């Protein structure tokens, strides 16, 4: 197994002594508020379905647009 550290750096390194303290992530608490009409009307399920369909059909839509463009060029000739 190859080590990424140089042998000199390994010899100079020392084991951490003492208690290891955990990293505490700051907690941001949100205050309760009333749900707005826009939030009530917005459907996350519908938005996800549309986004998935757009991602899935992007290649087909580009191909159709390119074909229409080529057909328009052929009609002009």
N, C-alpha and C. Protein backbone atom coordinates (compact mmCIF):
# COMPACT_ATOMS: atom_id res chain seq x y z
N UNK A 1 0.84 -1.18 0.00
CA UNK A 1 0.00 0.00 0.00
C UNK A 1 0.89 1.24 0.00
N UNK A 2 0.56 2.20 -0.84
CA UNK A 2 1.36 3.41 -0.97
C UNK A 2 0.75 4.51 -0.10
N UNK A 3 1.63 5.21 0.60
CA UNK A 3 1.18 6.31 1.45
C UNK A 3 1.34 7.61 0.68
N UNK A 4 0.39 8.51 0.85
CA UNK A 4 0.47 9.80 0.18
C UNK A 4 1.44 10.74 0.89
N UNK A 5 1.69 10.52 2.17
CA UNK A 5 2.59 11.39 2.93
C UNK A 5 4.03 10.95 2.74
N UNK A 6 4.93 11.92 2.83
CA UNK A 6 6.36 11.64 2.73
C UNK A 6 6.83 10.94 4.01
N UNK A 7 7.83 10.06 3.92
CA UNK A 7 8.31 9.36 5.13
C UNK A 7 8.80 10.32 6.22
N UNK A 8 9.41 11.45 5.83
CA UNK A 8 9.89 12.42 6.83
C UNK A 8 8.71 13.03 7.59
N UNK A 9 7.64 13.32 6.87
CA UNK A 9 6.47 13.91 7.50
C UNK A 9 5.81 12.91 8.45
N UNK A 10 5.84 11.63 8.11
CA UNK A 10 5.27 10.60 8.98
C UNK A 10 6.06 10.50 10.28
N UNK A 11 7.40 10.59 10.19
CA UNK A 11 8.24 10.50 11.39
C UNK A 11 8.02 11.68 12.32
N UNK A 12 7.76 12.88 11.74
CA UNK A 12 7.59 14.08 12.56
C UNK A 12 6.18 14.20 13.14
N UNK A 13 5.24 13.44 12.62
CA UNK A 13 3.87 13.56 13.10
C UNK A 13 3.72 12.94 14.48
N UNK A 14 2.73 13.44 15.22
CA UNK A 14 2.48 12.94 16.57
C UNK A 14 1.01 12.59 16.71
N UNK A 15 0.73 11.60 17.53
CA UNK A 15 -0.65 11.21 17.78
C UNK A 15 -1.34 12.27 18.61
N UNK A 16 -2.58 12.57 18.28
CA UNK A 16 -3.35 13.54 19.02
C UNK A 16 -3.59 13.01 20.43
N UNK A 17 -3.27 13.80 21.43
CA UNK A 17 -3.46 13.42 22.82
C UNK A 17 -4.59 14.24 23.41
N UNK A 18 -5.35 13.66 24.30
CA UNK A 18 -6.41 14.39 24.97
C UNK A 18 -7.77 14.06 24.39
N UNK A 19 -8.75 14.77 24.88
CA UNK A 19 -10.13 14.53 24.49
C UNK A 19 -10.43 15.17 23.13
N UNK A 20 -11.06 14.44 22.25
CA UNK A 20 -11.44 14.96 20.95
C UNK A 20 -12.83 15.55 21.06
N UNK A 21 -12.94 16.81 20.70
CA UNK A 21 -14.23 17.50 20.81
C UNK A 21 -14.98 17.40 19.49
N UNK A 22 -16.27 17.14 19.54
CA UNK A 22 -17.05 17.06 18.30
C UNK A 22 -17.27 18.45 17.70
N UNK A 23 -17.47 18.48 16.40
CA UNK A 23 -17.78 19.74 15.72
C UNK A 23 -19.28 19.95 15.85
N UNK A 24 -19.67 21.05 16.43
CA UNK A 24 -21.09 21.33 16.61
C UNK A 24 -21.59 22.23 15.49
N UNK A 25 -22.59 21.77 14.80
CA UNK A 25 -23.18 22.56 13.73
C UNK A 25 -24.21 23.51 14.35
N UNK A 26 -24.21 24.77 13.91
CA UNK A 26 -25.19 25.71 14.46
C UNK A 26 -26.61 25.32 14.04
N UNK A 27 -27.53 25.40 14.97
CA UNK A 27 -28.91 25.05 14.69
C UNK A 27 -29.70 26.33 14.51
N UNK A 28 -30.31 26.48 13.35
CA UNK A 28 -31.14 27.66 13.11
C UNK A 28 -32.59 27.25 13.28
N UNK A 29 -33.26 27.85 14.20
CA UNK A 29 -34.64 27.52 14.47
C UNK A 29 -35.54 28.50 13.75
N UNK A 30 -36.57 27.97 13.11
CA UNK A 30 -37.52 28.80 12.39
C UNK A 30 -38.75 29.03 13.25
N UNK A 31 -39.24 30.24 13.21
CA UNK A 31 -40.46 30.55 13.95
C UNK A 31 -41.67 30.09 13.15
N UNK A 32 -42.70 29.68 13.86
CA UNK A 32 -43.93 29.25 13.19
C UNK A 32 -44.59 30.47 12.55
N UNK A 33 -45.20 30.24 11.39
CA UNK A 33 -45.88 31.32 10.69
C UNK A 33 -47.06 30.73 9.95
N UNK A 34 -47.91 31.59 9.48
CA UNK A 34 -49.09 31.16 8.75
C UNK A 34 -48.71 30.76 7.32
N UNK A 35 -49.41 29.78 6.78
CA UNK A 35 -49.18 29.33 5.42
C UNK A 35 -49.86 30.31 4.47
N UNK A 36 -49.11 30.77 3.46
CA UNK A 36 -49.65 31.75 2.52
C UNK A 36 -50.49 31.05 1.44
N UNK A 37 -51.26 31.84 0.71
CA UNK A 37 -52.10 31.30 -0.36
C UNK A 37 -51.24 30.68 -1.47
N UNK A 38 -50.11 31.33 -1.78
CA UNK A 38 -49.21 30.79 -2.79
C UNK A 38 -48.69 29.41 -2.39
N UNK A 39 -48.36 29.25 -1.12
CA UNK A 39 -47.88 27.96 -0.64
C UNK A 39 -48.99 26.91 -0.67
N UNK A 40 -50.21 27.33 -0.41
CA UNK A 40 -51.33 26.38 -0.46
C UNK A 40 -51.60 25.92 -1.89
N UNK A 41 -51.45 26.82 -2.86
CA UNK A 41 -51.72 26.50 -4.25
C UNK A 41 -50.60 25.68 -4.88
N UNK A 42 -49.38 25.85 -4.42
CA UNK A 42 -48.21 25.20 -5.01
C UNK A 42 -48.21 23.71 -4.69
N UNK A 43 -48.07 22.90 -5.71
CA UNK A 43 -48.03 21.45 -5.55
C UNK A 43 -46.61 20.96 -5.82
N UNK A 44 -45.94 20.48 -4.82
CA UNK A 44 -44.58 19.98 -4.99
C UNK A 44 -44.61 18.73 -5.86
N UNK A 45 -45.61 17.89 -5.68
CA UNK A 45 -45.72 16.68 -6.49
C UNK A 45 -45.81 17.03 -7.97
N UNK A 46 -46.65 17.98 -8.30
CA UNK A 46 -46.81 18.39 -9.70
C UNK A 46 -45.51 18.99 -10.24
N UNK A 47 -44.85 19.81 -9.45
CA UNK A 47 -43.60 20.43 -9.88
C UNK A 47 -42.52 19.37 -10.13
N UNK A 48 -42.47 18.35 -9.27
CA UNK A 48 -41.49 17.27 -9.45
C UNK A 48 -41.80 16.46 -10.71
N UNK A 49 -43.07 16.19 -10.97
CA UNK A 49 -43.45 15.43 -12.15
C UNK A 49 -43.08 16.20 -13.42
N UNK A 50 -43.34 17.50 -13.44
CA UNK A 50 -43.02 18.33 -14.61
C UNK A 50 -41.51 18.37 -14.81
N UNK A 51 -40.75 18.51 -13.72
CA UNK A 51 -39.30 18.57 -13.82
C UNK A 51 -38.73 17.25 -14.34
N UNK A 52 -39.28 16.13 -13.87
CA UNK A 52 -38.82 14.83 -14.34
C UNK A 52 -39.15 14.63 -15.82
N UNK A 53 -40.35 15.04 -16.21
CA UNK A 53 -40.75 14.91 -17.62
C UNK A 53 -39.87 15.78 -18.51
N UNK A 54 -39.59 17.00 -18.08
CA UNK A 54 -38.73 17.90 -18.86
C UNK A 54 -37.33 17.30 -19.02
N UNK A 55 -36.79 16.75 -17.94
CA UNK A 55 -35.45 16.16 -17.99
C UNK A 55 -35.43 14.94 -18.91
N UNK A 56 -36.49 14.17 -18.89
CA UNK A 56 -36.55 12.95 -19.69
C UNK A 56 -36.74 13.26 -21.16
N UNK A 57 -37.51 14.29 -21.49
CA UNK A 57 -37.88 14.57 -22.87
C UNK A 57 -37.02 15.63 -23.55
N UNK A 58 -36.00 16.13 -22.89
CA UNK A 58 -35.22 17.23 -23.44
C UNK A 58 -34.56 16.85 -24.77
N UNK A 59 -34.04 15.64 -24.88
CA UNK A 59 -33.40 15.21 -26.12
C UNK A 59 -34.38 15.11 -27.26
N UNK A 60 -35.55 14.55 -26.98
CA UNK A 60 -36.58 14.40 -28.02
C UNK A 60 -37.05 15.77 -28.49
N UNK A 61 -37.24 16.69 -27.57
CA UNK A 61 -37.70 18.04 -27.94
C UNK A 61 -36.66 18.77 -28.79
N UNK A 62 -35.38 18.61 -28.43
CA UNK A 62 -34.32 19.23 -29.22
C UNK A 62 -34.29 18.64 -30.63
N UNK A 63 -34.47 17.32 -30.72
CA UNK A 63 -34.46 16.66 -32.01
C UNK A 63 -35.61 17.15 -32.88
N UNK A 64 -36.80 17.26 -32.31
CA UNK A 64 -37.96 17.74 -33.06
C UNK A 64 -37.77 19.18 -33.53
N UNK A 65 -37.20 20.02 -32.64
CA UNK A 65 -36.96 21.42 -33.01
C UNK A 65 -35.96 21.49 -34.16
N UNK A 66 -34.94 20.65 -34.12
CA UNK A 66 -33.94 20.63 -35.18
C UNK A 66 -34.57 20.16 -36.50
N UNK A 67 -35.45 19.15 -36.42
CA UNK A 67 -36.12 18.66 -37.63
C UNK A 67 -37.02 19.74 -38.23
N UNK A 68 -37.75 20.46 -37.39
CA UNK A 68 -38.61 21.53 -37.88
C UNK A 68 -37.79 22.63 -38.55
N UNK A 69 -36.65 22.93 -37.96
CA UNK A 69 -35.76 23.95 -38.52
C UNK A 69 -35.25 23.51 -39.88
N UNK A 70 -34.87 22.24 -40.02
CA UNK A 70 -34.38 21.74 -41.29
C UNK A 70 -35.50 21.73 -42.33
N UNK A 71 -36.72 21.37 -41.90
CA UNK A 71 -37.85 21.38 -42.83
C UNK A 71 -38.16 22.80 -43.30
N UNK A 72 -38.03 23.75 -42.42
CA UNK A 72 -38.26 25.15 -42.79
C UNK A 72 -37.21 25.61 -43.80
N UNK A 73 -35.97 25.17 -43.64
CA UNK A 73 -34.92 25.52 -44.58
C UNK A 73 -35.18 24.89 -45.95
N UNK A 74 -35.69 23.66 -45.92
CA UNK A 74 -35.98 22.96 -47.18
C UNK A 74 -37.14 23.64 -47.92
N UNK A 75 -38.12 24.15 -47.20
CA UNK A 75 -39.25 24.83 -47.82
C UNK A 75 -38.83 26.15 -48.46
N UNK A 76 -37.85 26.82 -47.85
CA UNK A 76 -37.38 28.10 -48.39
C UNK A 76 -36.66 27.90 -49.71
N UNK A 77 -36.05 26.74 -49.91
CA UNK A 77 -35.28 26.50 -51.14
C UNK A 77 -36.15 26.27 -52.29
